[in-house]
């Protein structure tokens, strides 16, 4: 049976590759190249186009899972929902599973992803062993950390499709038991939370108990939480946040001395944020018990809220409703940023003073350490992978050139997703202030949403020299939009 599934997956994948290459050949010579896809998890508008794109419709499945090696071969457009459904029957999951079901593996690698295992497993691209990439020249290349395309392997993360598109990825998996035991630890100050977070990242425990998952939520300056998860096979009752109950509200309690506890199945834990898109479903009334009671359960998921956002972007529904109430239009502030973990309180306190958005999400991260034989470190980061070798152009302390986090240093991802009153005559006013503050604190901003950097500053932040060299090698005719064109000019 397993062999039959493998053959079926391989055959379907090859058919998808054939359609992809046929669609590439159909694009007029010299014309720009982009994906022909109807959905996206990006929050920046793209320029409208009627030009044909690359057909990736056949690249949306898991090709094979190797339970013994704890690896999977996955087509680039496969969603994490489908990926988890394929690996979980073996008691395995990807080392980092981003929060939303419809994020694709290829998207998380080329656009970065993060979750509550990132303090121990790094980012999704760190568990990739091999990538098959379609470049702008129409060539399929296999990039690994130890072959002739190592520059592309390390330059691909955070390139957002400007160096090519992932067709197939070989990733590593980790073993998981059926349940996750949770502790919701409350703090009265951001400083106290920061100190605890630093200790947990270093020790991987809290109050004598192992911590396998770590993230947090800030409601106000004196009501903030760390959510600590521990993998467990111990049977027992579990909570359900896929119906009337809302996960982020379950975190809240008054007892600073004693954490609130909870339990979830591993699958429900992985998707705990998807049901209500963290807390963003409240904008659609989905958290109102009177409405939620009649809201079809199949539509309590991020992909449906995305459709509602699309309607709002198309017809400016939110601004029209504000106008009827005599309110100004809104400026969308949908961002994830990273600052050094010791600057978490500096940024969060500034944000709470200056930007009227709550709650906000915290997620510590640390690049995986190259320690051979470690079961918690991706093999692709071990010495056997070639990272510790003197690969030309690869800095072992900052290997991922387009998002230069420092190895050995912990960071905090801060996520905030809402809108504030627009400032007349100053488009992107709040977002520009956030960008300046993040740079002041030696941080970086993810590029899935609007950015407003001047080009010179953008190049300095996102690996300009390395990026230009990669572009000249893999897209010498400039058929793909550049990173600045995509992230700032919205090409």
Protein backbone atom coordinates (compact mmCIF):
# COMPACT_ATOMS: atom_id res chain seq x y z
CA UNK A 1 0.00 0.00 0.00
CA UNK A 2 2.80 2.45 0.94
CA UNK A 3 4.60 1.66 -2.31
CA UNK A 4 1.42 2.28 -4.29
CA UNK A 5 0.94 5.64 -2.61
CA UNK A 6 4.54 6.57 -3.31
CA UNK A 7 4.24 5.69 -6.99
CA UNK A 8 0.95 7.59 -7.23
CA UNK A 9 2.44 10.68 -5.56
CA UNK A 10 5.53 10.61 -7.75
CA UNK A 11 3.49 10.22 -10.93
CA UNK A 12 1.11 13.04 -10.00
CA UNK A 13 4.06 15.26 -9.12
CA UNK A 14 5.73 14.64 -12.47
CA UNK A 15 2.51 15.51 -14.26
CA UNK A 16 2.42 18.76 -12.27
CA UNK A 17 6.00 19.54 -13.26
CA UNK A 18 5.15 18.90 -16.90
CA UNK A 19 2.25 21.38 -16.72
CA UNK A 20 4.48 23.91 -14.98
CA UNK A 21 7.13 23.71 -17.69
CA UNK A 22 4.53 23.84 -20.47
CA UNK A 23 3.10 27.02 -18.94
CA UNK A 24 6.59 28.52 -18.75
CA UNK A 25 7.15 27.84 -22.45
CA UNK A 26 3.79 29.50 -23.24
CA UNK A 27 4.89 32.83 -21.74
CA UNK A 28 6.19 35.12 -24.50
CA UNK A 29 9.96 35.43 -24.64
CA UNK A 30 11.09 38.41 -22.59
CA UNK A 31 7.75 38.80 -20.79
CA UNK A 32 7.61 38.90 -17.01
CA UNK A 33 7.02 35.70 -15.05
CA UNK A 34 4.65 35.19 -12.14
CA UNK A 35 2.51 32.46 -10.65
CA UNK A 36 -1.01 31.85 -11.94
CA UNK A 37 -2.60 31.33 -8.52
CA UNK A 38 -5.87 32.61 -7.11
CA UNK A 39 -4.98 32.63 -3.43
CA UNK A 40 -2.23 34.17 -1.34
CA UNK A 41 -1.29 34.75 2.28
CA UNK A 42 0.32 38.08 1.43
CA UNK A 43 -1.15 41.30 2.78
CA UNK A 44 0.17 43.58 0.10
CA UNK A 45 -1.74 44.31 -3.07
CA UNK A 46 -0.16 43.34 -6.34
CA UNK A 47 -0.38 45.20 -9.62
CA UNK A 48 -3.24 43.88 -11.74
CA UNK A 49 -2.26 41.85 -14.78
CA UNK A 50 -3.89 39.74 -17.47
CA UNK A 51 -0.62 38.13 -18.53
CA UNK A 52 -0.46 34.33 -18.38
CA UNK A 53 1.34 32.86 -15.40
CA UNK A 54 2.96 29.63 -14.33
CA UNK A 55 0.57 26.74 -13.81
CA UNK A 56 1.33 25.36 -10.33
CA UNK A 57 -2.00 23.58 -9.92
CA UNK A 58 -0.34 20.16 -9.97
CA UNK A 59 2.22 20.99 -7.29
CA UNK A 60 -0.10 20.90 -4.30
CA UNK A 61 0.48 17.53 -2.65
CA UNK A 62 2.85 15.52 -0.51
CA UNK A 63 4.87 13.26 -2.80
CA UNK A 64 6.07 10.81 -0.15
CA UNK A 65 6.80 10.39 3.55
CA UNK A 66 9.71 8.32 4.87
CA UNK A 67 8.84 7.51 8.51
CA UNK A 68 12.15 5.81 9.19
CA UNK A 69 14.27 8.72 7.98
CA UNK A 70 11.72 11.24 9.27
CA UNK A 71 11.66 13.12 5.99
CA UNK A 72 9.07 14.06 3.40
CA UNK A 73 9.20 14.98 -0.27
CA UNK A 74 6.70 17.79 -0.78
CA UNK A 75 5.56 19.79 -3.80
CA UNK A 76 6.04 23.51 -3.35
CA UNK A 77 2.38 24.56 -3.35
CA UNK A 78 1.31 22.04 -0.70
CA UNK A 79 -0.50 23.67 2.21
CA UNK A 80 0.59 22.92 5.74
CA UNK A 81 -2.89 21.57 6.40
CA UNK A 82 -2.36 18.87 3.75
CA UNK A 83 1.24 18.34 4.83
CA UNK A 84 0.28 17.73 8.45
CA UNK A 85 -2.57 15.44 7.38
CA UNK A 86 -0.01 13.33 5.47
CA UNK A 87 2.63 13.15 8.21
CA UNK A 88 0.58 13.01 11.42
CA UNK A 89 -0.65 9.41 10.84
CA UNK A 90 3.02 8.44 11.26
CA UNK A 91 3.29 10.46 14.48
CA UNK A 92 5.41 13.03 12.62
CA UNK A 93 5.08 16.73 11.83
CA UNK A 94 7.30 19.39 10.22
CA UNK A 95 9.76 20.93 12.66
CA UNK A 96 7.98 24.28 12.37
CA UNK A 97 4.29 24.44 11.40
CA UNK A 98 3.18 28.04 10.67
CA UNK A 99 -0.07 29.08 12.29
CA UNK A 100 -2.46 29.14 9.33
CA UNK A 101 -3.63 26.07 7.44
CA UNK A 102 -3.38 27.48 3.92
CA UNK A 103 0.21 28.72 4.16
CA UNK A 104 2.16 26.64 1.67
CA UNK A 105 5.49 25.01 2.36
CA UNK A 106 7.08 26.84 -0.57
CA UNK A 107 5.58 30.10 0.65
CA UNK A 108 6.90 29.62 4.18
CA UNK A 109 10.39 28.96 2.83
CA UNK A 110 10.59 31.76 0.28
CA UNK A 111 8.64 34.18 2.50
CA UNK A 112 9.64 32.97 5.96
CA UNK A 113 7.40 31.39 8.57
CA UNK A 114 7.45 31.02 12.32
CA UNK A 115 5.68 29.25 15.16
CA UNK A 116 6.01 28.18 18.78
CA UNK A 117 8.77 25.64 18.03
CA UNK A 118 10.98 28.34 16.54
CA UNK A 119 12.82 28.95 19.81
CA UNK A 120 14.27 25.42 19.41
CA UNK A 121 13.89 24.57 15.69
CA UNK A 122 14.45 27.93 14.04
CA UNK A 123 12.49 28.81 10.90
CA UNK A 124 10.86 26.50 8.31
CA UNK A 125 13.66 26.82 5.77
CA UNK A 126 16.16 25.46 8.30
CA UNK A 127 14.61 22.01 8.13
CA UNK A 128 14.83 21.90 4.33
CA UNK A 129 17.48 19.47 3.07
CA UNK A 130 17.02 20.05 -0.64
CA UNK A 131 15.04 22.32 -2.93
CA UNK A 132 14.17 21.87 -6.59
CA UNK A 133 13.67 25.36 -7.98
CA UNK A 134 12.41 26.68 -11.30
CA UNK A 135 14.54 29.68 -12.16
CA UNK A 136 13.60 32.59 -14.39
CA UNK A 137 15.56 30.98 -17.24
CA UNK A 138 13.23 27.97 -17.23
CA UNK A 139 15.85 25.69 -15.70
CA UNK A 140 15.04 23.27 -12.90
CA UNK A 141 17.95 23.27 -10.44
CA UNK A 142 18.45 21.28 -7.27
CA UNK A 143 19.85 23.44 -4.48
CA UNK A 144 21.46 21.93 -1.40
CA UNK A 145 23.77 23.41 1.22
CA UNK A 146 26.70 21.44 -0.17
CA UNK A 147 26.35 21.59 -3.97
CA UNK A 148 27.01 24.07 -6.76
CA UNK A 149 23.73 25.87 -6.00
CA UNK A 150 24.44 26.41 -2.30
CA UNK A 151 24.27 30.17 -2.93
CA UNK A 152 20.67 29.80 -4.08
CA UNK A 153 19.86 27.44 -1.18
CA UNK A 154 20.93 30.05 1.36
CA UNK A 155 19.63 33.03 -0.62
CA UNK A 156 16.18 31.62 -1.36
CA UNK A 157 14.54 32.30 2.06
CA UNK A 158 12.92 35.75 2.10
CA UNK A 159 13.26 36.11 -1.68
CA UNK A 160 9.46 35.96 -2.22
CA UNK A 161 9.59 34.39 -5.65
CA UNK A 162 12.14 36.85 -7.02
CA UNK A 163 14.83 34.17 -7.48
CA UNK A 164 12.54 31.44 -8.75
CA UNK A 165 9.84 29.12 -7.43
CA UNK A 166 10.18 26.01 -5.31
CA UNK A 167 8.87 22.97 -7.17
CA UNK A 168 9.84 20.28 -4.66
CA UNK A 169 11.30 20.36 -1.16
CA UNK A 170 12.77 17.61 0.96
CA UNK A 171 12.13 18.45 4.60
CA UNK A 172 12.84 16.90 7.96
CA UNK A 173 10.14 15.89 10.41
CA UNK A 174 10.01 15.36 14.14
CA UNK A 175 8.22 12.78 16.26
CA UNK A 176 5.27 14.03 18.30
CA UNK A 177 2.98 12.34 20.85
CA UNK A 178 -0.80 12.75 20.62
CA UNK A 179 -1.30 15.65 23.07
CA UNK A 180 0.04 19.00 24.21
CA UNK A 181 -0.28 20.11 27.83
CA UNK A 182 -0.50 23.90 28.16
CA UNK A 183 0.34 26.40 30.87
CA UNK A 184 -0.79 30.00 30.48
CA UNK A 185 1.56 32.05 32.64
CA UNK A 186 0.46 35.60 33.41
CA UNK A 187 2.81 38.54 33.95
CA UNK A 188 2.14 42.05 35.24
CA UNK A 189 4.81 43.70 33.10
CA UNK A 190 6.45 43.24 29.73
CA UNK A 191 9.84 43.34 31.45
CA UNK A 192 8.96 40.34 33.64
CA UNK A 193 7.65 38.45 30.61
CA UNK A 194 10.82 39.23 28.66
CA UNK A 195 13.03 37.95 31.48
CA UNK A 196 11.06 34.71 31.70
CA UNK A 197 11.14 34.27 27.93
CA UNK A 198 14.93 34.63 27.86
CA UNK A 199 15.31 32.01 30.60
CA UNK A 200 13.01 29.57 28.78
CA UNK A 201 14.81 29.97 25.46
CA UNK A 202 18.11 29.22 27.20
CA UNK A 203 16.95 26.34 29.44
CA UNK A 204 13.89 25.01 27.56
CA UNK A 205 12.05 24.67 30.84
CA UNK A 206 9.94 26.73 33.21
CA UNK A 207 9.43 26.08 36.90
CA UNK A 208 11.07 22.69 36.54
CA UNK A 209 8.91 21.49 33.64
CA UNK A 210 10.06 20.98 30.03
CA UNK A 211 8.87 23.49 27.43
CA UNK A 212 8.43 22.22 23.85
CA UNK A 213 6.30 25.10 22.54
CA UNK A 214 6.58 28.78 23.42
CA UNK A 215 4.66 31.86 22.34
CA UNK A 216 2.79 34.67 24.07
CA UNK A 217 0.01 37.24 23.93
CA UNK A 218 0.00 40.82 25.17
CA UNK A 219 -3.45 42.21 25.92
CA UNK A 220 -2.28 45.26 27.87
CA UNK A 221 0.92 46.38 29.54
CA UNK A 222 -0.08 44.66 32.80
CA UNK A 223 -1.88 41.68 31.28
CA UNK A 224 0.48 39.60 29.21
CA UNK A 225 1.04 35.85 28.95
CA UNK A 226 3.44 33.18 27.88
CA UNK A 227 1.80 30.04 26.54
CA UNK A 228 4.00 27.05 27.37
CA UNK A 229 3.35 23.70 25.71
CA UNK A 230 4.70 20.28 26.66
CA UNK A 231 4.37 17.24 24.43
CA UNK A 232 2.71 14.31 26.20
CA UNK A 233 1.26 10.88 25.45
CA UNK A 234 -0.72 10.87 28.69
CA UNK A 235 -4.42 10.31 27.90
CA UNK A 236 -7.07 12.59 29.31
CA UNK A 237 -9.73 15.18 28.47
CA UNK A 238 -8.94 17.84 25.88
CA UNK A 239 -10.44 21.22 25.04
CA UNK A 240 -12.00 22.13 21.70
CA UNK A 241 -11.55 25.59 20.22
CA UNK A 242 -13.00 24.83 16.81
CA UNK A 243 -16.58 25.68 17.83
CA UNK A 244 -18.04 28.15 20.32
CA UNK A 245 -14.92 28.59 22.47
CA UNK A 246 -12.19 31.00 21.35
CA UNK A 247 -8.59 29.99 22.06
CA UNK A 248 -7.00 33.35 22.81
CA UNK A 249 -9.74 34.17 25.32
CA UNK A 250 -9.04 30.88 27.10
CA UNK A 251 -5.55 32.14 27.94
CA UNK A 252 -6.75 34.93 30.22
CA UNK A 253 -6.89 34.62 34.01
CA UNK A 254 -6.10 36.66 37.13
CA UNK A 255 -3.69 34.45 39.07
CA UNK A 256 -0.08 35.55 38.52
CA UNK A 257 1.23 32.93 40.95
CA UNK A 258 -0.43 29.90 39.38
CA UNK A 259 -0.60 29.26 35.63
CA UNK A 260 -3.88 28.26 34.06
CA UNK A 261 -3.65 24.81 32.47
CA UNK A 262 -5.25 23.21 29.43
CA UNK A 263 -4.78 20.26 27.04
CA UNK A 264 -5.21 19.89 23.30
CA UNK A 265 -4.68 17.14 20.77
CA UNK A 266 -1.53 17.77 18.76
CA UNK A 267 -3.57 18.54 15.65
CA UNK A 268 -5.79 21.03 17.46
CA UNK A 269 -2.72 22.61 19.01
CA UNK A 270 -1.08 23.12 15.63
CA UNK A 271 -4.19 24.86 14.30
CA UNK A 272 -5.27 26.64 17.52
CA UNK A 273 -4.77 30.03 15.89
CA UNK A 274 -6.40 29.21 12.55
CA UNK A 275 -10.03 28.95 13.77
CA UNK A 276 -10.19 32.64 14.64
CA UNK A 277 -7.19 33.81 12.62
CA UNK A 278 -5.60 34.52 15.97
CA UNK A 279 -8.17 37.14 17.08
CA UNK A 280 -8.88 38.79 13.73
CA UNK A 281 -12.22 36.98 13.29
CA UNK A 282 -13.73 39.51 15.68
CA UNK A 283 -13.68 42.07 12.83
CA UNK A 284 -16.32 39.94 11.09
CA UNK A 285 -18.46 39.37 14.18
CA UNK A 286 -17.45 35.72 14.37
CA UNK A 287 -16.64 35.95 18.08
CA UNK A 288 -20.07 37.33 19.01
CA UNK A 289 -21.78 34.31 20.62
CA UNK A 290 -25.11 35.20 18.99
CA UNK A 291 -23.50 35.19 15.55
CA UNK A 292 -21.03 32.39 16.19
CA UNK A 293 -23.83 30.00 17.13
CA UNK A 294 -25.09 30.16 13.54
CA UNK A 295 -21.72 30.54 11.81
CA UNK A 296 -21.03 27.33 9.84
CA UNK A 297 -18.12 25.56 11.50
CA UNK A 298 -16.43 24.94 8.14
CA UNK A 299 -16.12 28.71 7.75
CA UNK A 300 -14.37 29.19 11.10
CA UNK A 301 -10.95 29.19 9.45
CA UNK A 302 -8.42 31.65 8.10
CA UNK A 303 -9.04 30.82 4.44
CA UNK A 304 -12.64 32.05 4.69
CA UNK A 305 -11.66 35.25 6.48
CA UNK A 306 -9.18 35.80 3.66
CA UNK A 307 -12.08 35.85 1.22
CA UNK A 308 -13.83 38.48 3.32
CA UNK A 309 -10.64 40.56 3.37
CA UNK A 310 -10.53 40.28 -0.42
CA UNK A 311 -14.04 41.71 -0.69
CA UNK A 312 -13.06 44.58 1.60
CA UNK A 313 -9.96 45.36 -0.48
CA UNK A 314 -11.96 45.26 -3.69
CA UNK A 315 -14.82 47.51 -2.55
CA UNK A 316 -13.35 49.44 0.41
CA UNK A 317 -16.17 48.20 2.63
CA UNK A 318 -14.46 49.12 5.90
CA UNK A 319 -13.70 52.71 4.85
CA UNK A 320 -17.24 53.20 3.57
CA UNK A 321 -18.66 51.99 6.88
CA UNK A 322 -16.30 54.31 8.75
CA UNK A 323 -17.40 57.23 6.59
CA UNK A 324 -21.04 56.58 7.49
CA UNK A 325 -20.06 56.79 11.16
CA UNK A 326 -18.11 59.99 10.60
CA UNK A 327 -14.79 58.22 11.14
CA UNK A 328 -11.63 58.62 9.04
CA UNK A 329 -10.46 55.85 6.70
CA UNK A 330 -8.21 53.21 8.22
CA UNK A 331 -4.54 52.53 7.68
CA UNK A 332 -3.90 48.82 7.63
CA UNK A 333 -1.17 47.81 10.08
CA UNK A 334 -0.59 44.13 9.43
CA UNK A 335 2.99 43.26 10.26
CA UNK A 336 5.39 40.80 11.86
CA UNK A 337 8.72 42.15 13.04
CA UNK A 338 11.74 40.68 14.81
CA UNK A 339 13.85 42.42 17.42
CA UNK A 340 16.63 40.97 19.60
CA UNK A 341 14.91 39.25 22.51
CA UNK A 342 16.44 41.64 25.04
CA UNK A 343 14.75 44.55 23.20
CA UNK A 344 11.28 42.98 23.36
CA UNK A 345 10.07 45.21 26.18
CA UNK A 346 11.51 48.31 24.48
CA UNK A 347 9.52 47.65 21.33
CA UNK A 348 6.30 46.43 22.96
CA UNK A 349 6.12 49.31 25.43
CA UNK A 350 6.70 51.79 22.60
CA UNK A 351 4.07 50.06 20.48
CA UNK A 352 1.46 50.09 23.26
CA UNK A 353 2.09 53.81 23.76
CA UNK A 354 2.03 54.78 20.10
CA UNK A 355 -0.06 52.32 18.05
CA UNK A 356 -3.66 51.63 19.20
CA UNK A 357 -3.75 47.90 18.43
CA UNK A 358 -4.29 44.98 20.80
CA UNK A 359 -3.72 42.12 21.38
CA UNK A 360 -0.28 41.46 19.94
CA UNK A 361 1.49 38.13 19.49
CA UNK A 362 4.98 37.22 20.68
CA UNK A 363 7.02 34.31 19.36
CA UNK A 364 10.69 33.79 20.29
CA UNK A 365 13.03 32.34 17.68
CA UNK A 366 16.63 31.30 17.42
CA UNK A 367 18.45 29.92 14.41
CA UNK A 368 19.05 26.19 14.75
CA UNK A 369 22.50 25.35 16.02
CA UNK A 370 24.83 23.14 13.91
CA UNK A 371 25.34 20.36 16.42
CA UNK A 372 25.75 16.92 14.84
CA UNK A 373 23.59 14.23 16.37
CA UNK A 374 21.10 16.59 18.02
CA UNK A 375 17.54 15.30 17.68
CA UNK A 376 16.13 18.80 18.05
CA UNK A 377 18.37 20.39 15.43
CA UNK A 378 17.57 20.03 11.73
CA UNK A 379 20.04 17.72 10.03
CA UNK A 380 20.46 20.29 7.29
CA UNK A 381 22.12 22.50 9.88
CA UNK A 382 24.43 19.77 11.17
CA UNK A 383 28.06 19.49 10.15
CA UNK A 384 27.13 16.56 7.90
CA UNK A 385 25.07 18.89 5.73
CA UNK A 386 27.97 21.05 4.66
CA UNK A 387 27.04 24.19 6.59
CA UNK A 388 30.16 23.99 8.71
CA UNK A 389 32.28 23.64 5.58
CA UNK A 390 33.77 26.69 3.93
CA UNK A 391 31.03 27.14 1.33
CA UNK A 392 31.93 30.12 -0.86
CA UNK A 393 29.97 33.24 0.01
CA UNK A 394 28.21 31.63 2.98
CA UNK A 395 28.67 33.24 6.38
CA UNK A 396 28.15 30.48 8.98
CA UNK A 397 27.16 33.09 11.56
CA UNK A 398 24.52 34.68 9.28
CA UNK A 399 23.90 32.01 6.62
CA UNK A 400 20.50 33.20 5.38
CA UNK A 401 21.68 36.22 3.46
CA UNK A 402 18.35 37.94 2.69
CA UNK A 403 17.19 37.90 6.32
CA UNK A 404 20.43 38.15 8.28
CA UNK A 405 19.62 36.89 11.75
CA UNK A 406 22.70 36.13 13.85
CA UNK A 407 23.37 32.56 14.89
CA UNK A 408 23.41 32.06 18.64
CA UNK A 409 21.24 35.11 19.30
CA UNK A 410 17.56 34.91 20.25
CA UNK A 411 14.91 37.20 18.77
CA UNK A 412 11.27 37.88 19.39
CA UNK A 413 8.76 38.00 16.58
CA UNK A 414 6.02 40.52 17.35
CA UNK A 415 2.83 40.20 15.30
CA UNK A 416 0.06 42.81 15.10
CA UNK A 417 -2.76 42.74 12.61
CA UNK A 418 -5.39 45.46 12.53
CA UNK A 419 -5.94 49.04 11.36
CA UNK A 420 -5.54 52.50 12.85
CA UNK A 421 -7.05 55.84 11.77
CA UNK A 422 -5.21 57.06 8.69
CA UNK A 423 -3.18 60.27 8.93
CA UNK A 424 -4.37 62.69 6.21
CA UNK A 425 -1.72 63.37 3.58
CA UNK A 426 0.70 60.78 5.03
CA UNK A 427 0.10 57.35 3.49
CA UNK A 428 1.53 54.58 5.64
CA UNK A 429 2.25 56.94 8.54
CA UNK A 430 1.95 54.32 11.31
CA UNK A 431 3.77 51.66 9.30
CA UNK A 432 6.66 54.01 8.58
CA UNK A 433 6.99 54.81 12.28
CA UNK A 434 7.09 51.09 13.08
CA UNK A 435 9.77 50.52 10.44
CA UNK A 436 11.93 53.27 11.96
CA UNK A 437 11.52 51.89 15.48
CA UNK A 438 12.38 48.34 14.40
CA UNK A 439 15.55 49.56 12.66
CA UNK A 440 16.46 51.61 15.74
CA UNK A 441 16.28 48.40 17.81
CA UNK A 442 18.45 46.44 15.32
CA UNK A 443 15.49 44.41 14.09
CA UNK A 444 13.91 43.37 10.81
CA UNK A 445 10.43 43.31 9.39
CA UNK A 446 8.81 40.49 7.43
CA UNK A 447 7.87 41.45 3.89
CA UNK A 448 4.48 39.77 3.46
CA UNK A 449 2.68 43.10 3.96
CA UNK A 450 3.17 46.72 2.93
CA UNK A 451 6.65 48.18 3.26
CA UNK A 452 7.73 51.79 2.84
CA UNK A 453 11.53 51.75 3.03
CA UNK A 454 13.65 53.94 0.74
CA UNK A 455 15.51 51.68 -1.67
CA UNK A 456 18.96 52.30 -0.20
CA UNK A 457 17.81 51.40 3.31
CA UNK A 458 15.91 48.37 2.03
CA UNK A 459 19.01 47.07 0.27
CA UNK A 460 21.07 47.46 3.42
CA UNK A 461 18.53 45.52 5.48
CA UNK A 462 17.87 42.69 3.04
CA UNK A 463 21.22 41.52 1.67
CA UNK A 464 21.72 43.77 -1.34
CA UNK A 465 25.16 42.60 -2.58
CA UNK A 466 24.38 38.90 -2.24
CA UNK A 467 20.93 39.41 -3.72
CA UNK A 468 22.26 41.22 -6.79
CA UNK A 469 24.74 38.41 -7.40
CA UNK A 470 21.98 35.81 -7.15
CA UNK A 471 19.77 37.78 -9.54
CA UNK A 472 22.54 38.04 -12.10
CA UNK A 473 23.08 34.27 -11.96
CA UNK A 474 19.51 32.96 -11.84
CA UNK A 475 17.57 35.77 -13.55
CA UNK A 476 20.06 37.52 -15.85
CA UNK A 477 17.30 39.04 -18.02
CA UNK A 478 15.25 40.39 -15.12
CA UNK A 479 12.08 38.46 -15.92
CA UNK A 480 11.05 38.24 -12.27
CA UNK A 481 10.18 41.34 -10.28
CA UNK A 482 12.90 42.30 -7.80
CA UNK A 483 12.41 42.05 -4.05
CA UNK A 484 12.15 45.82 -3.70
CA UNK A 485 9.66 46.00 -6.57
CA UNK A 486 7.50 43.34 -4.91
CA UNK A 487 7.79 44.39 -1.28
CA UNK A 488 7.64 48.17 -1.64
CA UNK A 489 6.42 49.00 -5.13
CA UNK A 490 3.89 46.10 -5.07
CA UNK A 491 4.83 44.81 -8.51
